[in-house]
Structures are given as structure tokens and as C-alpha cells.
Amino acid sequence: MAAKKKKKTKYSRSSKRDVESEMRRYKKGTAKSGRGGKGGKVKSRKQAIAIGLSKARKKGKRVPKKKS
């Protein structure tokens, strides 16, 4: 029998924490969009998740590449 390949996780634990903290800010109502948080309030869950993943990417954490 062939040995099973070990699957590498797509997201690192620390990147998940970045998304979680952004979701907390979204639920609190303090999450802002745009450069430097000068934009409007984040209105959707998807937007909050995207901001969290973007922050994780900037820090160099393991996150899949953006879909173009």
C-alpha cells in the first residue's frame, strides 16, 4: 500500500487569529475599510474576513494567494 501524503494546511494558526480579531472588530462596529482605516464602516462579514486575510498577508503569514 502506498503511504498517504500529509496535507499541508492552507492557513497558518496566526493568520486565523488575525481574521478572528478583525471579526471581533466588525461585530463591535469599530472595523473600518480603506487605507489607514479612513474609509467607511465595514458592512459585511465577507469584507471583514478579506481585511483580516489582507493583514495576515502583509505580515507574511501563510495564506493562499488572492483570487484575481
N, C-alpha and C. Protein backbone atom coordinates (compact mmCIF):
# COMPACT_ATOMS: atom_id res chain seq x y z
N MET A 1 0.82 -1.20 0.00
CA MET A 1 0.00 0.00 0.00
C MET A 1 0.87 1.26 0.00
N ALA A 2 0.40 2.22 -0.73
CA ALA A 2 1.14 3.49 -0.81
C ALA A 2 0.90 4.31 0.45
N ALA A 3 1.93 4.98 0.87
CA ALA A 3 1.81 5.82 2.07
C ALA A 3 1.00 7.07 1.74
N LYS A 4 0.18 7.50 2.69
CA LYS A 4 -0.64 8.70 2.49
C LYS A 4 0.23 9.94 2.58
N LYS A 5 -0.07 10.91 1.70
CA LYS A 5 0.65 12.18 1.75
C LYS A 5 0.05 13.04 2.85
N LYS A 6 0.91 13.71 3.59
CA LYS A 6 0.44 14.60 4.64
C LYS A 6 0.03 15.93 3.99
N LYS A 7 -1.20 16.34 4.22
CA LYS A 7 -1.72 17.56 3.61
C LYS A 7 -1.28 18.78 4.41
N LYS A 8 -0.72 19.76 3.71
CA LYS A 8 -0.28 21.00 4.35
C LYS A 8 -1.48 21.93 4.53
N THR A 9 -1.57 22.55 5.69
CA THR A 9 -2.70 23.45 5.93
C THR A 9 -2.59 24.70 5.05
N LYS A 10 -3.76 25.20 4.62
CA LYS A 10 -3.78 26.38 3.74
C LYS A 10 -3.50 27.64 4.53
N TYR A 11 -4.04 27.71 5.73
CA TYR A 11 -3.91 28.91 6.56
C TYR A 11 -3.15 28.58 7.83
N SER A 12 -2.20 29.44 8.22
CA SER A 12 -1.47 29.23 9.48
C SER A 12 -2.38 29.62 10.65
N ARG A 13 -2.05 29.13 11.82
CA ARG A 13 -2.84 29.45 13.02
C ARG A 13 -2.87 30.95 13.28
N SER A 14 -1.72 31.57 13.11
CA SER A 14 -1.64 33.00 13.40
C SER A 14 -2.45 33.83 12.41
N SER A 15 -2.59 33.36 11.16
CA SER A 15 -3.42 34.09 10.19
C SER A 15 -4.89 33.95 10.56
N LYS A 16 -5.28 32.80 11.11
CA LYS A 16 -6.66 32.61 11.57
C LYS A 16 -6.96 33.57 12.72
N ARG A 17 -5.95 33.80 13.57
CA ARG A 17 -6.14 34.73 14.69
C ARG A 17 -6.34 36.16 14.19
N ASP A 18 -5.64 36.52 13.11
CA ASP A 18 -5.81 37.85 12.51
C ASP A 18 -7.24 38.04 12.02
N VAL A 19 -7.77 37.00 11.38
CA VAL A 19 -9.15 37.07 10.87
C VAL A 19 -10.13 37.14 12.05
N GLU A 20 -9.87 36.35 13.09
CA GLU A 20 -10.75 36.35 14.27
C GLU A 20 -10.79 37.74 14.93
N SER A 21 -9.64 38.38 15.04
CA SER A 21 -9.59 39.69 15.68
C SER A 21 -10.32 40.73 14.82
N GLU A 22 -10.21 40.60 13.51
CA GLU A 22 -10.92 41.52 12.61
C GLU A 22 -12.43 41.30 12.70
N MET A 23 -12.84 40.05 12.87
CA MET A 23 -14.27 39.74 13.01
C MET A 23 -14.82 40.33 14.31
N ARG A 24 -14.00 40.29 15.36
CA ARG A 24 -14.42 40.90 16.64
C ARG A 24 -14.64 42.40 16.46
N ARG A 25 -13.70 43.05 15.74
CA ARG A 25 -13.83 44.49 15.48
C ARG A 25 -15.08 44.78 14.66
N TYR A 26 -15.37 43.89 13.69
CA TYR A 26 -16.56 44.05 12.85
C TYR A 26 -17.84 43.95 13.68
N LYS A 27 -17.89 42.95 14.57
CA LYS A 27 -19.07 42.75 15.41
C LYS A 27 -19.26 43.90 16.39
N LYS A 28 -18.15 44.46 16.86
CA LYS A 28 -18.20 45.61 17.77
C LYS A 28 -18.65 46.87 17.04
N GLY A 29 -18.35 46.91 15.74
CA GLY A 29 -18.70 48.08 14.92
C GLY A 29 -17.56 49.06 14.77
N THR A 30 -16.33 48.62 15.08
CA THR A 30 -15.18 49.52 15.01
C THR A 30 -14.29 49.25 13.80
N ALA A 31 -14.64 48.22 12.99
CA ALA A 31 -13.82 47.88 11.82
C ALA A 31 -14.06 48.90 10.71
N LYS A 32 -12.95 49.41 10.16
CA LYS A 32 -13.04 50.40 9.08
C LYS A 32 -12.33 49.84 7.85
N SER A 33 -12.77 50.27 6.68
CA SER A 33 -12.14 49.82 5.44
C SER A 33 -11.28 50.93 4.86
N GLY A 34 -10.47 50.59 3.88
CA GLY A 34 -9.62 51.58 3.21
C GLY A 34 -8.28 51.73 3.87
N ARG A 35 -7.41 52.49 3.21
CA ARG A 35 -6.04 52.67 3.70
C ARG A 35 -6.03 53.46 5.00
N GLY A 36 -5.42 52.88 6.00
CA GLY A 36 -5.29 53.55 7.30
C GLY A 36 -6.61 53.68 8.03
N GLY A 37 -7.61 52.92 7.61
CA GLY A 37 -8.92 52.95 8.28
C GLY A 37 -9.67 54.25 8.08
N LYS A 38 -9.36 54.95 6.98
CA LYS A 38 -10.00 56.24 6.73
C LYS A 38 -11.31 56.09 5.95
N GLY A 39 -11.59 54.88 5.51
CA GLY A 39 -12.82 54.63 4.75
C GLY A 39 -14.02 54.50 5.68
N GLY A 40 -15.09 53.97 5.14
CA GLY A 40 -16.31 53.80 5.92
C GLY A 40 -16.29 52.56 6.78
N LYS A 41 -17.41 52.33 7.44
CA LYS A 41 -17.56 51.16 8.30
C LYS A 41 -17.66 49.90 7.45
N VAL A 42 -17.12 48.79 7.97
CA VAL A 42 -17.23 47.50 7.29
C VAL A 42 -18.66 47.01 7.50
N LYS A 43 -19.33 46.68 6.38
CA LYS A 43 -20.75 46.35 6.47
C LYS A 43 -21.06 44.86 6.29
N SER A 44 -20.10 44.08 5.81
CA SER A 44 -20.39 42.66 5.61
C SER A 44 -19.31 41.78 6.23
N ARG A 45 -19.71 40.55 6.54
CA ARG A 45 -18.79 39.57 7.11
C ARG A 45 -17.67 39.27 6.13
N LYS A 46 -18.03 39.12 4.85
CA LYS A 46 -17.04 38.80 3.81
C LYS A 46 -15.96 39.87 3.74
N GLN A 47 -16.38 41.12 3.86
CA GLN A 47 -15.44 42.24 3.80
C GLN A 47 -14.49 42.18 5.00
N ALA A 48 -15.04 41.87 6.18
CA ALA A 48 -14.22 41.77 7.39
C ALA A 48 -13.19 40.65 7.28
N ILE A 49 -13.60 39.51 6.72
CA ILE A 49 -12.69 38.38 6.54
C ILE A 49 -11.59 38.75 5.56
N ALA A 50 -11.97 39.43 4.46
CA ALA A 50 -10.98 39.84 3.45
C ALA A 50 -9.95 40.79 4.04
N ILE A 51 -10.37 41.69 4.92
CA ILE A 51 -9.45 42.63 5.57
C ILE A 51 -8.49 41.87 6.48
N GLY A 52 -9.02 40.90 7.24
CA GLY A 52 -8.19 40.08 8.12
C GLY A 52 -7.14 39.29 7.36
N LEU A 53 -7.54 38.70 6.23
CA LEU A 53 -6.59 37.93 5.40
C LEU A 53 -5.54 38.85 4.78
N SER A 54 -5.97 40.03 4.38
CA SER A 54 -5.04 41.00 3.79
C SER A 54 -3.98 41.41 4.80
N LYS A 55 -4.40 41.63 6.04
CA LYS A 55 -3.44 42.00 7.11
C LYS A 55 -2.46 40.86 7.36
N ALA A 56 -2.97 39.61 7.33
CA ALA A 56 -2.11 38.44 7.53
C ALA A 56 -1.08 38.34 6.41
N ARG A 57 -1.50 38.60 5.16
CA ARG A 57 -0.59 38.55 4.01
C ARG A 57 0.53 39.58 4.16
N LYS A 58 0.15 40.78 4.60
CA LYS A 58 1.14 41.85 4.77
C LYS A 58 2.20 41.48 5.81
N LYS A 59 1.78 40.70 6.83
CA LYS A 59 2.72 40.26 7.87
C LYS A 59 3.56 39.07 7.41
N GLY A 60 3.22 38.51 6.25
CA GLY A 60 3.99 37.39 5.70
C GLY A 60 3.56 36.04 6.22
N LYS A 61 2.33 35.91 6.68
CA LYS A 61 1.84 34.64 7.21
C LYS A 61 1.34 33.77 6.07
N ARG A 62 1.19 32.47 6.35
CA ARG A 62 0.78 31.53 5.30
C ARG A 62 -0.72 31.65 5.02
N VAL A 63 -1.02 32.25 3.87
CA VAL A 63 -2.38 32.46 3.40
C VAL A 63 -2.36 32.24 1.90
N PRO A 64 -3.38 31.56 1.32
CA PRO A 64 -3.40 31.38 -0.13
C PRO A 64 -3.41 32.72 -0.87
N LYS A 65 -2.91 32.71 -2.10
CA LYS A 65 -2.86 33.93 -2.89
C LYS A 65 -4.27 34.44 -3.21
N LYS A 66 -4.36 35.75 -3.43
CA LYS A 66 -5.64 36.37 -3.79
C LYS A 66 -6.13 35.82 -5.12
N LYS A 67 -7.46 35.60 -5.21
CA LYS A 67 -8.03 35.19 -6.49
C LYS A 67 -8.16 36.43 -7.36
N SER A 68 -7.68 36.34 -8.60
CA SER A 68 -7.73 37.53 -9.47
C SER A 68 -8.97 37.56 -10.31
